[in-house]
Amino acid sequence: MQTQHAVAWLDHCEAKVFFFDREGFESVELSATLTHHQTHNKAGTVDGKRAPENQAFYRNIVLALQSAKEWLILGPGSAKDELAKHVRAHFPQLENRIIGVKTADHPTEAQIVKYARLFFRAADRMLSGMRLD
């Protein structure tokens, strides 16, 4: 679906990408290929070392998002910020497509799309007021 807007919700295990317009939406689901184990250690792993970022997972999310011109990135933890960092480092030509990075726990698909529609409606109004036509 070729659209203006897309939203990606992700954590370290899965990602859901939604392309939407006024009438409907399409979604793509991606999962991390690395096995994720829940730990209760502040550093993130049982041995106390932070797990490496899953670059292939983030790359697949970026490739899924590419057909949209503007992106909103959502998620409950640090994965959303790591995705934005991945875009800046590996796809700098796409960095300006990221319009927002926001925290969102575990919403339903309908809640994600509703939030994204409201977000982009507000962003579009704000950006159109800044344009010098």
N, C-alpha and C. Protein backbone atom coordinates (compact mmCIF):
# COMPACT_ATOMS: atom_id res chain seq x y z
N MET A 1 0.85 -1.18 0.00
CA MET A 1 0.00 0.00 0.00
C MET A 1 0.89 1.23 0.00
N GLN A 2 0.78 2.05 -0.99
CA GLN A 2 1.53 3.30 -1.09
C GLN A 2 0.75 4.38 -0.33
N THR A 3 1.30 4.86 0.77
CA THR A 3 0.61 5.86 1.58
C THR A 3 1.57 6.95 1.99
N GLN A 4 0.99 8.02 2.48
CA GLN A 4 1.78 9.11 3.03
C GLN A 4 2.34 8.72 4.40
N HIS A 5 1.51 8.03 5.20
CA HIS A 5 1.85 7.77 6.59
C HIS A 5 1.94 6.29 6.93
N ALA A 6 2.88 5.99 7.85
CA ALA A 6 3.00 4.64 8.40
C ALA A 6 3.36 4.77 9.87
N VAL A 7 2.97 3.76 10.63
CA VAL A 7 3.33 3.70 12.04
C VAL A 7 3.91 2.32 12.30
N ALA A 8 4.98 2.29 13.08
CA ALA A 8 5.59 1.02 13.48
C ALA A 8 5.56 0.95 15.00
N TRP A 9 4.96 -0.11 15.51
CA TRP A 9 5.03 -0.40 16.94
C TRP A 9 5.98 -1.57 17.09
N LEU A 10 6.94 -1.45 18.02
CA LEU A 10 7.88 -2.54 18.19
C LEU A 10 8.38 -2.65 19.62
N ASP A 11 8.77 -3.87 19.95
CA ASP A 11 9.58 -4.14 21.13
C ASP A 11 10.75 -4.98 20.63
N HIS A 12 11.48 -5.61 21.49
CA HIS A 12 12.65 -6.37 21.04
C HIS A 12 12.30 -7.72 20.42
N CYS A 13 11.04 -8.12 20.50
CA CYS A 13 10.62 -9.43 19.97
C CYS A 13 9.85 -9.34 18.66
N GLU A 14 9.07 -8.31 18.50
CA GLU A 14 8.20 -8.21 17.34
C GLU A 14 7.99 -6.77 16.93
N ALA A 15 7.53 -6.61 15.70
CA ALA A 15 7.18 -5.29 15.18
C ALA A 15 5.90 -5.42 14.37
N LYS A 16 5.09 -4.39 14.45
CA LYS A 16 3.87 -4.30 13.65
C LYS A 16 3.93 -2.98 12.90
N VAL A 17 3.85 -3.06 11.60
CA VAL A 17 3.92 -1.87 10.75
C VAL A 17 2.55 -1.70 10.10
N PHE A 18 2.02 -0.48 10.17
CA PHE A 18 0.70 -0.18 9.62
C PHE A 18 0.82 0.95 8.61
N PHE A 19 0.23 0.75 7.45
CA PHE A 19 0.10 1.78 6.43
C PHE A 19 -1.38 2.13 6.41
N PHE A 20 -1.69 3.41 6.43
CA PHE A 20 -3.10 3.77 6.55
C PHE A 20 -3.43 5.03 5.79
N ASP A 21 -4.72 5.13 5.49
CA ASP A 21 -5.30 6.34 4.93
C ASP A 21 -6.62 6.55 5.67
N ARG A 22 -7.48 7.42 5.15
CA ARG A 22 -8.73 7.71 5.85
C ARG A 22 -9.67 6.51 5.90
N GLU A 23 -9.62 5.68 4.88
CA GLU A 23 -10.59 4.59 4.76
C GLU A 23 -10.19 3.30 5.48
N GLY A 24 -8.91 3.00 5.54
CA GLY A 24 -8.51 1.72 6.11
C GLY A 24 -7.03 1.65 6.37
N PHE A 25 -6.58 0.43 6.65
CA PHE A 25 -5.15 0.24 6.90
C PHE A 25 -4.76 -1.18 6.51
N GLU A 26 -3.47 -1.34 6.26
CA GLU A 26 -2.86 -2.64 6.02
C GLU A 26 -1.74 -2.80 7.04
N SER A 27 -1.48 -4.04 7.42
CA SER A 27 -0.42 -4.25 8.40
C SER A 27 0.56 -5.33 7.95
N VAL A 28 1.77 -5.22 8.49
CA VAL A 28 2.83 -6.19 8.27
C VAL A 28 3.38 -6.52 9.65
N GLU A 29 3.55 -7.80 9.95
CA GLU A 29 4.14 -8.19 11.23
C GLU A 29 5.50 -8.82 10.99
N LEU A 30 6.46 -8.42 11.81
CA LEU A 30 7.83 -8.93 11.73
C LEU A 30 8.21 -9.44 13.11
N SER A 31 9.04 -10.46 13.13
CA SER A 31 9.53 -10.93 14.42
C SER A 31 11.05 -10.96 14.40
N ALA A 32 11.61 -10.75 15.58
CA ALA A 32 13.07 -10.79 15.72
C ALA A 32 13.51 -12.24 15.55
N THR A 33 14.62 -12.44 14.87
CA THR A 33 15.11 -13.79 14.66
C THR A 33 15.90 -14.31 15.85
N LEU A 34 16.38 -13.43 16.69
CA LEU A 34 17.11 -13.86 17.88
C LEU A 34 16.13 -14.31 18.95
N THR A 35 16.47 -15.31 19.69
CA THR A 35 15.63 -15.77 20.78
C THR A 35 15.73 -14.77 21.92
N HIS A 36 14.59 -14.37 22.43
CA HIS A 36 14.55 -13.40 23.52
C HIS A 36 14.13 -14.13 24.80
N HIS A 37 14.91 -13.99 25.83
CA HIS A 37 14.58 -14.60 27.12
C HIS A 37 14.29 -13.49 28.10
N GLN A 38 13.18 -13.60 28.80
CA GLN A 38 12.85 -12.63 29.83
C GLN A 38 13.82 -12.79 30.98
N THR A 39 14.43 -11.70 31.39
CA THR A 39 15.33 -11.73 32.54
C THR A 39 14.90 -10.66 33.52
N HIS A 40 15.39 -10.76 34.72
CA HIS A 40 15.08 -9.77 35.74
C HIS A 40 16.35 -9.07 36.19
N ASN A 41 17.32 -9.02 35.33
CA ASN A 41 18.57 -8.36 35.62
C ASN A 41 18.53 -6.99 34.97
N LYS A 42 18.94 -5.98 35.69
CA LYS A 42 18.87 -4.62 35.19
C LYS A 42 19.65 -4.41 33.89
N ALA A 43 20.72 -5.12 33.71
CA ALA A 43 21.53 -4.97 32.50
C ALA A 43 20.90 -5.63 31.28
N GLY A 44 19.94 -6.53 31.47
CA GLY A 44 19.23 -7.11 30.34
C GLY A 44 19.53 -8.56 30.03
N THR A 45 20.57 -9.14 30.60
CA THR A 45 20.86 -10.54 30.37
C THR A 45 21.23 -11.20 31.69
N VAL A 46 21.19 -12.50 31.71
CA VAL A 46 21.50 -13.23 32.94
C VAL A 46 22.93 -12.99 33.38
N ASP A 47 23.87 -12.90 32.43
CA ASP A 47 25.27 -12.70 32.82
C ASP A 47 25.60 -11.23 33.11
N GLY A 48 24.61 -10.35 33.03
CA GLY A 48 24.82 -8.95 33.37
C GLY A 48 25.29 -8.08 32.23
N LYS A 49 25.44 -8.65 31.03
CA LYS A 49 25.86 -7.86 29.87
C LYS A 49 24.63 -7.53 29.03
N ARG A 50 24.66 -6.37 28.46
CA ARG A 50 23.54 -5.93 27.63
C ARG A 50 23.55 -6.71 26.32
N ALA A 51 22.38 -7.19 25.92
CA ALA A 51 22.25 -7.92 24.66
C ALA A 51 22.50 -6.96 23.49
N PRO A 52 23.16 -7.41 22.44
CA PRO A 52 23.41 -6.54 21.29
C PRO A 52 22.12 -6.22 20.55
N GLU A 53 22.08 -5.05 19.92
CA GLU A 53 20.92 -4.67 19.13
C GLU A 53 20.81 -5.60 17.93
N ASN A 54 19.61 -5.96 17.58
CA ASN A 54 19.36 -6.86 16.47
C ASN A 54 19.27 -6.04 15.18
N GLN A 55 20.41 -5.82 14.55
CA GLN A 55 20.48 -4.96 13.38
C GLN A 55 19.64 -5.48 12.21
N ALA A 56 19.60 -6.79 12.02
CA ALA A 56 18.81 -7.35 10.92
C ALA A 56 17.32 -7.09 11.14
N PHE A 57 16.86 -7.19 12.37
CA PHE A 57 15.46 -6.91 12.71
C PHE A 57 15.12 -5.47 12.38
N TYR A 58 15.97 -4.53 12.80
CA TYR A 58 15.73 -3.11 12.53
C TYR A 58 15.79 -2.82 11.03
N ARG A 59 16.70 -3.46 10.35
CA ARG A 59 16.80 -3.27 8.89
C ARG A 59 15.51 -3.73 8.21
N ASN A 60 14.95 -4.86 8.63
CA ASN A 60 13.71 -5.36 8.04
C ASN A 60 12.54 -4.42 8.30
N ILE A 61 12.52 -3.79 9.47
CA ILE A 61 11.46 -2.81 9.77
C ILE A 61 11.59 -1.61 8.84
N VAL A 62 12.82 -1.10 8.67
CA VAL A 62 13.04 0.04 7.78
C VAL A 62 12.62 -0.31 6.35
N LEU A 63 12.98 -1.47 5.89
CA LEU A 63 12.60 -1.88 4.54
C LEU A 63 11.09 -1.98 4.41
N ALA A 64 10.41 -2.44 5.46
CA ALA A 64 8.95 -2.51 5.42
C ALA A 64 8.33 -1.12 5.39
N LEU A 65 8.93 -0.16 6.07
CA LEU A 65 8.40 1.21 6.14
C LEU A 65 8.65 2.04 4.88
N GLN A 66 9.59 1.65 4.07
CA GLN A 66 10.08 2.51 3.00
C GLN A 66 9.04 3.08 2.05
N SER A 67 7.93 2.41 1.83
CA SER A 67 6.97 2.92 0.86
C SER A 67 6.18 4.13 1.37
N ALA A 68 6.23 4.41 2.67
CA ALA A 68 5.54 5.57 3.24
C ALA A 68 6.48 6.76 3.32
N LYS A 69 5.93 7.94 3.21
CA LYS A 69 6.75 9.16 3.24
C LYS A 69 7.02 9.68 4.64
N GLU A 70 6.12 9.38 5.59
CA GLU A 70 6.29 9.85 6.96
C GLU A 70 6.02 8.70 7.92
N TRP A 71 6.88 8.59 8.95
CA TRP A 71 6.81 7.47 9.88
C TRP A 71 6.64 7.96 11.31
N LEU A 72 5.83 7.21 12.05
CA LEU A 72 5.74 7.35 13.50
C LEU A 72 6.23 6.04 14.08
N ILE A 73 7.11 6.11 15.07
CA ILE A 73 7.66 4.91 15.70
C ILE A 73 7.16 4.87 17.14
N LEU A 74 6.55 3.75 17.52
CA LEU A 74 5.99 3.56 18.86
C LEU A 74 6.57 2.31 19.51
N GLY A 75 6.58 2.29 20.83
CA GLY A 75 6.99 1.08 21.53
C GLY A 75 7.11 1.31 23.02
N PRO A 76 7.13 0.22 23.79
CA PRO A 76 7.17 0.34 25.25
C PRO A 76 8.55 0.54 25.85
N GLY A 77 9.60 0.11 25.17
CA GLY A 77 10.94 0.16 25.76
C GLY A 77 11.92 0.88 24.87
N SER A 78 13.15 0.42 24.89
CA SER A 78 14.21 1.10 24.15
C SER A 78 14.28 0.73 22.67
N ALA A 79 13.56 -0.29 22.24
CA ALA A 79 13.64 -0.72 20.84
C ALA A 79 13.25 0.40 19.88
N LYS A 80 12.27 1.21 20.25
CA LYS A 80 11.85 2.30 19.36
C LYS A 80 12.98 3.30 19.14
N ASP A 81 13.72 3.60 20.20
CA ASP A 81 14.85 4.52 20.10
C ASP A 81 16.00 3.88 19.33
N GLU A 82 16.20 2.59 19.53
CA GLU A 82 17.25 1.87 18.80
C GLU A 82 16.94 1.83 17.30
N LEU A 83 15.65 1.71 16.94
CA LEU A 83 15.27 1.76 15.53
C LEU A 83 15.58 3.13 14.94
N ALA A 84 15.24 4.19 15.63
CA ALA A 84 15.54 5.54 15.15
C ALA A 84 17.05 5.73 14.99
N LYS A 85 17.82 5.23 15.94
CA LYS A 85 19.29 5.30 15.86
C LYS A 85 19.80 4.51 14.67
N HIS A 86 19.20 3.35 14.43
CA HIS A 86 19.58 2.51 13.28
C HIS A 86 19.33 3.25 11.97
N VAL A 87 18.20 3.92 11.87
CA VAL A 87 17.90 4.69 10.65
C VAL A 87 18.95 5.77 10.45
N ARG A 88 19.27 6.52 11.51
CA ARG A 88 20.28 7.59 11.39
C ARG A 88 21.64 7.04 10.96
N ALA A 89 22.00 5.88 11.48
CA ALA A 89 23.33 5.31 11.19
C ALA A 89 23.41 4.61 9.84
N HIS A 90 22.37 3.89 9.47
CA HIS A 90 22.45 3.03 8.28
C HIS A 90 21.60 3.50 7.10
N PHE A 91 20.64 4.37 7.34
CA PHE A 91 19.77 4.88 6.29
C PHE A 91 19.60 6.40 6.45
N PRO A 92 20.70 7.15 6.47
CA PRO A 92 20.59 8.59 6.76
C PRO A 92 19.68 9.34 5.77
N GLN A 93 19.55 8.82 4.56
CA GLN A 93 18.68 9.45 3.57
C GLN A 93 17.20 9.31 3.95
N LEU A 94 16.87 8.45 4.90
CA LEU A 94 15.48 8.24 5.32
C LEU A 94 15.18 8.86 6.68
N GLU A 95 16.18 9.43 7.32
CA GLU A 95 16.01 9.97 8.67
C GLU A 95 14.90 11.02 8.75
N ASN A 96 14.76 11.85 7.73
CA ASN A 96 13.74 12.90 7.77
C ASN A 96 12.32 12.37 7.64
N ARG A 97 12.16 11.08 7.38
CA ARG A 97 10.82 10.48 7.34
C ARG A 97 10.27 10.22 8.74
N ILE A 98 11.14 10.17 9.73
CA ILE A 98 10.70 9.94 11.11
C ILE A 98 10.13 11.26 11.64
N ILE A 99 8.82 11.27 11.84
CA ILE A 99 8.14 12.47 12.32
C ILE A 99 8.02 12.45 13.85
N GLY A 100 8.00 11.24 14.42
CA GLY A 100 7.90 11.14 15.87
C GLY A 100 8.31 9.77 16.38
N VAL A 101 8.82 9.75 17.61
CA VAL A 101 9.14 8.52 18.33
C VAL A 101 8.47 8.66 19.70
N LYS A 102 7.50 7.81 19.96
CA LYS A 102 6.67 7.95 21.17
C LYS A 102 6.59 6.63 21.93
N THR A 103 6.36 6.75 23.22
CA THR A 103 6.18 5.57 24.07
C THR A 103 4.73 5.11 24.01
N ALA A 104 4.55 3.81 23.83
CA ALA A 104 3.23 3.19 23.83
C ALA A 104 3.38 1.77 24.35
N ASP A 105 2.61 1.42 25.33
CA ASP A 105 2.76 0.11 25.98
C ASP A 105 2.45 -1.03 25.02
N HIS A 106 1.33 -1.66 25.09
CA HIS A 106 0.95 -2.78 24.21
C HIS A 106 -0.48 -2.56 23.72
N PRO A 107 -0.69 -1.56 22.87
CA PRO A 107 -2.04 -1.28 22.39
C PRO A 107 -2.49 -2.30 21.35
N THR A 108 -3.79 -2.32 21.12
CA THR A 108 -4.34 -3.16 20.07
C THR A 108 -4.01 -2.54 18.72
N GLU A 109 -4.21 -3.29 17.64
CA GLU A 109 -3.97 -2.74 16.30
C GLU A 109 -4.84 -1.51 16.06
N ALA A 110 -6.11 -1.59 16.44
CA ALA A 110 -7.02 -0.45 16.24
C ALA A 110 -6.55 0.77 17.03
N GLN A 111 -6.05 0.58 18.24
CA GLN A 111 -5.55 1.69 19.04
C GLN A 111 -4.30 2.30 18.42
N ILE A 112 -3.42 1.48 17.87
CA ILE A 112 -2.21 1.99 17.22
C ILE A 112 -2.59 2.87 16.04
N VAL A 113 -3.47 2.39 15.18
CA VAL A 113 -3.87 3.15 13.99
C VAL A 113 -4.61 4.42 14.38
N LYS A 114 -5.50 4.35 15.36
CA LYS A 114 -6.23 5.54 15.82
C LYS A 114 -5.26 6.60 16.35
N TYR A 115 -4.30 6.17 17.18
CA TYR A 115 -3.31 7.10 17.73
C TYR A 115 -2.49 7.73 16.60
N ALA A 116 -2.07 6.91 15.64
CA ALA A 116 -1.25 7.42 14.54
C ALA A 116 -2.03 8.41 13.68
N ARG A 117 -3.30 8.13 13.42
CA ARG A 117 -4.12 9.08 12.63
C ARG A 117 -4.22 10.42 13.34
N LEU A 118 -4.46 10.39 14.64
CA LEU A 118 -4.53 11.64 15.41
C LEU A 118 -3.18 12.35 15.43
N PHE A 119 -2.11 11.60 15.61
CA PHE A 119 -0.77 12.17 15.63
C PHE A 119 -0.46 12.87 14.31
N PHE A 120 -0.68 12.19 13.20
CA PHE A 120 -0.35 12.78 11.90
C PHE A 120 -1.28 13.92 11.54
N ARG A 121 -2.54 13.86 11.96
CA ARG A 121 -3.45 14.98 11.70
C ARG A 121 -2.90 16.23 12.37
N ALA A 122 -2.47 16.10 13.63
CA ALA A 122 -1.90 17.24 14.36
C ALA A 122 -0.58 17.67 13.74
N ALA A 123 0.28 16.72 13.38
CA ALA A 123 1.57 17.05 12.78
C ALA A 123 1.39 17.73 11.44
N ASP A 124 0.45 17.26 10.63
CA ASP A 124 0.20 17.87 9.33
C ASP A 124 -0.28 19.31 9.48
N ARG A 125 -1.15 19.57 10.47
CA ARG A 125 -1.62 20.94 10.71
C ARG A 125 -0.47 21.84 11.14
N MET A 126 0.38 21.32 12.03
CA MET A 126 1.50 22.12 12.52
C MET A 126 2.51 22.39 11.40
N LEU A 127 2.83 21.38 10.62
CA LEU A 127 3.81 21.56 9.54
C LEU A 127 3.27 22.43 8.41
N SER A 128 1.98 22.35 8.12
CA SER A 128 1.43 23.18 7.04
C SER A 128 1.44 24.65 7.44
N GLY A 129 1.33 24.95 8.74
CA GLY A 129 1.40 26.33 9.21
C GLY A 129 2.80 26.89 9.14
N MET A 130 3.81 26.02 9.04
CA MET A 130 5.21 26.47 9.00
C MET A 130 5.71 26.63 7.58
N ARG A 131 4.98 26.11 6.59
CA ARG A 131 5.44 26.18 5.20
C ARG A 131 5.28 27.58 4.64
N LEU A 132 6.22 27.99 3.85
CA LEU A 132 6.17 29.30 3.19
C LEU A 132 5.79 29.10 1.73
N ASP A 133 4.51 29.15 1.45
CA ASP A 133 4.06 28.92 0.06
C ASP A 133 3.98 30.21 -0.70
